[in-house]
Amino acid sequence: MARHRLYYEEPHYVRECLRKSRATAKQIHELEQVLIRQLEEIDRKRLYVRLGFKALRSYCYLGLNFTRRQSQSFESAV
């Protein structure tokens, strides 16, 4: 039976790649929390209206260039 190609990868390389991905994911989660707090402030004061947006979701989608799904998630989190 043939072994998976991952078996032949250097263990140190595999551990380092996985460690880096966990560190990056942690940074993304932290930055998402910061963004959500900023969006809460923006939504509370409806600051996006000054830029011509009618809702927070449209500001996230068109103003911040997130996908529709991401915009909906941020709106729900706020």
N, C-alpha and C. Protein backbone atom coordinates (compact mmCIF):
# COMPACT_ATOMS: atom_id res chain seq x y z
N MET A 1 0.85 -1.19 0.00
CA MET A 1 0.00 0.00 0.00
C MET A 1 0.89 1.25 0.00
N ALA A 2 0.59 2.17 -0.88
CA ALA A 2 1.40 3.38 -1.00
C ALA A 2 1.06 4.34 0.13
N ARG A 3 2.06 5.05 0.59
CA ARG A 3 1.88 6.04 1.64
C ARG A 3 1.48 7.38 1.04
N HIS A 4 0.76 8.14 1.83
CA HIS A 4 0.36 9.47 1.40
C HIS A 4 1.61 10.33 1.23
N ARG A 5 1.57 11.24 0.28
CA ARG A 5 2.75 12.08 0.01
C ARG A 5 3.12 12.95 1.20
N LEU A 6 2.15 13.25 2.09
CA LEU A 6 2.45 14.03 3.27
C LEU A 6 3.43 13.29 4.19
N TYR A 7 3.42 11.98 4.13
CA TYR A 7 4.33 11.17 4.93
C TYR A 7 5.78 11.52 4.64
N TYR A 8 6.06 11.95 3.43
CA TYR A 8 7.43 12.22 3.03
C TYR A 8 7.86 13.66 3.29
N GLU A 9 6.96 14.50 3.73
CA GLU A 9 7.31 15.88 4.07
C GLU A 9 8.13 15.91 5.35
N GLU A 10 9.00 16.87 5.43
CA GLU A 10 9.82 17.07 6.61
C GLU A 10 8.91 17.44 7.79
N PRO A 11 8.97 16.73 8.92
CA PRO A 11 8.08 17.03 10.07
C PRO A 11 8.20 18.48 10.56
N HIS A 12 9.41 19.01 10.55
CA HIS A 12 9.60 20.39 10.99
C HIS A 12 8.85 21.36 10.07
N TYR A 13 8.91 21.10 8.78
CA TYR A 13 8.22 21.94 7.80
C TYR A 13 6.71 21.89 8.03
N VAL A 14 6.17 20.71 8.25
CA VAL A 14 4.73 20.54 8.48
C VAL A 14 4.31 21.29 9.74
N ARG A 15 5.05 21.10 10.84
CA ARG A 15 4.72 21.79 12.09
C ARG A 15 4.79 23.29 11.93
N GLU A 16 5.79 23.78 11.22
CA GLU A 16 5.96 25.22 11.03
C GLU A 16 4.82 25.81 10.19
N CYS A 17 4.42 25.12 9.14
CA CYS A 17 3.30 25.59 8.31
C CYS A 17 2.01 25.64 9.13
N LEU A 18 1.76 24.62 9.92
CA LEU A 18 0.55 24.59 10.75
C LEU A 18 0.60 25.67 11.83
N ARG A 19 1.76 25.90 12.41
CA ARG A 19 1.91 26.93 13.43
C ARG A 19 1.64 28.31 12.83
N LYS A 20 2.19 28.56 11.65
CA LYS A 20 1.98 29.85 10.98
C LYS A 20 0.51 30.08 10.66
N SER A 21 -0.17 29.04 10.21
CA SER A 21 -1.58 29.20 9.87
C SER A 21 -2.41 29.48 11.12
N ARG A 22 -2.09 28.86 12.25
CA ARG A 22 -2.80 29.15 13.50
C ARG A 22 -2.54 30.58 13.95
N ALA A 23 -1.31 31.04 13.82
CA ALA A 23 -0.98 32.42 14.22
C ALA A 23 -1.70 33.43 13.33
N THR A 24 -1.76 33.16 12.04
CA THR A 24 -2.46 34.05 11.11
C THR A 24 -3.95 34.07 11.42
N ALA A 25 -4.54 32.91 11.68
CA ALA A 25 -5.97 32.84 12.01
C ALA A 25 -6.25 33.62 13.29
N LYS A 26 -5.36 33.53 14.26
CA LYS A 26 -5.54 34.27 15.51
C LYS A 26 -5.54 35.78 15.24
N GLN A 27 -4.62 36.24 14.40
CA GLN A 27 -4.57 37.66 14.05
C GLN A 27 -5.84 38.10 13.35
N ILE A 28 -6.35 37.27 12.44
CA ILE A 28 -7.57 37.60 11.71
C ILE A 28 -8.74 37.73 12.68
N HIS A 29 -8.86 36.79 13.62
CA HIS A 29 -9.95 36.84 14.59
C HIS A 29 -9.86 38.09 15.46
N GLU A 30 -8.66 38.44 15.87
CA GLU A 30 -8.48 39.65 16.68
C GLU A 30 -8.86 40.90 15.89
N LEU A 31 -8.44 40.96 14.63
CA LEU A 31 -8.78 42.12 13.80
C LEU A 31 -10.27 42.18 13.49
N GLU A 32 -10.91 41.03 13.35
CA GLU A 32 -12.36 41.02 13.14
C GLU A 32 -13.08 41.61 14.34
N GLN A 33 -12.61 41.30 15.53
CA GLN A 33 -13.22 41.86 16.74
C GLN A 33 -13.07 43.37 16.78
N VAL A 34 -11.89 43.86 16.38
CA VAL A 34 -11.66 45.31 16.32
C VAL A 34 -12.61 45.94 15.30
N LEU A 35 -12.72 45.32 14.13
CA LEU A 35 -13.59 45.84 13.08
C LEU A 35 -15.05 45.85 13.54
N ILE A 36 -15.48 44.81 14.22
CA ILE A 36 -16.86 44.76 14.70
C ILE A 36 -17.13 45.88 15.69
N ARG A 37 -16.19 46.15 16.58
CA ARG A 37 -16.37 47.27 17.51
C ARG A 37 -16.44 48.61 16.77
N GLN A 38 -15.62 48.77 15.73
CA GLN A 38 -15.67 50.00 14.93
C GLN A 38 -17.00 50.11 14.19
N LEU A 39 -17.47 48.99 13.65
CA LEU A 39 -18.74 49.00 12.92
C LEU A 39 -19.92 49.26 13.86
N GLU A 40 -19.81 48.80 15.11
CA GLU A 40 -20.85 49.11 16.09
C GLU A 40 -20.97 50.61 16.29
N GLU A 41 -19.84 51.28 16.41
CA GLU A 41 -19.82 52.73 16.58
C GLU A 41 -20.39 53.42 15.33
N ILE A 42 -19.95 52.96 14.17
CA ILE A 42 -20.42 53.54 12.91
C ILE A 42 -21.93 53.35 12.77
N ASP A 43 -22.42 52.16 13.13
CA ASP A 43 -23.84 51.89 12.99
C ASP A 43 -24.66 52.67 14.03
N ARG A 44 -24.15 52.77 15.23
CA ARG A 44 -24.86 53.49 16.28
C ARG A 44 -25.09 54.94 15.88
N LYS A 45 -24.08 55.56 15.26
CA LYS A 45 -24.17 56.96 14.86
C LYS A 45 -24.60 57.12 13.40
N ARG A 46 -24.79 55.98 12.70
CA ARG A 46 -25.17 55.97 11.28
C ARG A 46 -24.24 56.85 10.43
N LEU A 47 -22.96 56.72 10.66
CA LEU A 47 -21.98 57.54 9.95
C LEU A 47 -21.91 57.22 8.46
N TYR A 48 -22.30 56.04 8.08
CA TYR A 48 -22.24 55.63 6.67
C TYR A 48 -23.19 56.45 5.80
N VAL A 49 -24.19 57.09 6.40
CA VAL A 49 -25.14 57.91 5.65
C VAL A 49 -24.42 59.09 4.99
N ARG A 50 -23.40 59.60 5.65
CA ARG A 50 -22.64 60.74 5.09
C ARG A 50 -21.95 60.37 3.78
N LEU A 51 -21.70 59.07 3.59
CA LEU A 51 -21.07 58.62 2.35
C LEU A 51 -22.09 58.15 1.32
N GLY A 52 -23.38 58.27 1.65
CA GLY A 52 -24.42 57.91 0.71
C GLY A 52 -24.95 56.49 0.83
N PHE A 53 -24.55 55.78 1.88
CA PHE A 53 -25.04 54.42 2.07
C PHE A 53 -26.27 54.45 2.97
N LYS A 54 -27.25 53.59 2.64
CA LYS A 54 -28.50 53.57 3.40
C LYS A 54 -28.45 52.61 4.58
N ALA A 55 -27.53 51.66 4.54
CA ALA A 55 -27.47 50.66 5.60
C ALA A 55 -26.03 50.23 5.83
N LEU A 56 -25.81 49.64 6.98
CA LEU A 56 -24.47 49.15 7.34
C LEU A 56 -24.01 48.07 6.37
N ARG A 57 -24.94 47.20 5.97
CA ARG A 57 -24.57 46.12 5.07
C ARG A 57 -24.06 46.66 3.74
N SER A 58 -24.72 47.66 3.19
CA SER A 58 -24.26 48.22 1.91
C SER A 58 -22.93 48.94 2.08
N TYR A 59 -22.71 49.54 3.24
CA TYR A 59 -21.41 50.16 3.50
C TYR A 59 -20.31 49.10 3.54
N CYS A 60 -20.58 47.98 4.20
CA CYS A 60 -19.59 46.90 4.25
C CYS A 60 -19.33 46.32 2.86
N TYR A 61 -20.41 46.16 2.09
CA TYR A 61 -20.28 45.54 0.77
C TYR A 61 -19.62 46.48 -0.24
N LEU A 62 -20.15 47.67 -0.37
CA LEU A 62 -19.66 48.59 -1.39
C LEU A 62 -18.53 49.49 -0.89
N GLY A 63 -18.62 49.91 0.37
CA GLY A 63 -17.62 50.82 0.90
C GLY A 63 -16.33 50.15 1.36
N LEU A 64 -16.49 48.95 1.95
CA LEU A 64 -15.32 48.24 2.48
C LEU A 64 -14.90 47.06 1.62
N ASN A 65 -15.65 46.81 0.54
CA ASN A 65 -15.34 45.76 -0.45
C ASN A 65 -15.33 44.35 0.14
N PHE A 66 -16.23 44.07 1.08
CA PHE A 66 -16.41 42.71 1.54
C PHE A 66 -17.43 42.02 0.63
N THR A 67 -17.46 40.70 0.68
CA THR A 67 -18.47 39.98 -0.09
C THR A 67 -19.84 40.19 0.56
N ARG A 68 -20.88 39.80 -0.17
CA ARG A 68 -22.23 39.93 0.40
C ARG A 68 -22.37 39.11 1.67
N ARG A 69 -21.84 37.91 1.65
CA ARG A 69 -21.93 37.03 2.82
C ARG A 69 -21.16 37.62 4.00
N GLN A 70 -19.96 38.14 3.75
CA GLN A 70 -19.19 38.77 4.83
C GLN A 70 -19.92 39.99 5.37
N SER A 71 -20.49 40.79 4.48
CA SER A 71 -21.23 41.98 4.90
C SER A 71 -22.41 41.60 5.77
N GLN A 72 -23.10 40.56 5.39
CA GLN A 72 -24.25 40.09 6.19
C GLN A 72 -23.77 39.59 7.55
N SER A 73 -22.63 38.90 7.59
CA SER A 73 -22.10 38.41 8.85
C SER A 73 -21.71 39.56 9.78
N PHE A 74 -21.07 40.58 9.22
CA PHE A 74 -20.69 41.72 10.04
C PHE A 74 -21.93 42.45 10.56
N GLU A 75 -22.92 42.59 9.70
CA GLU A 75 -24.16 43.26 10.12
C GLU A 75 -24.82 42.47 11.26
N SER A 76 -24.82 41.15 11.14
CA SER A 76 -25.41 40.32 12.19
C SER A 76 -24.61 40.42 13.49
N ALA A 77 -23.30 40.48 13.37
CA ALA A 77 -22.46 40.58 14.56
C ALA A 77 -22.65 41.90 15.28
N VAL A 78 -22.92 42.95 14.50
CA VAL A 78 -23.13 44.28 15.08
C VAL A 78 -24.50 44.31 15.70
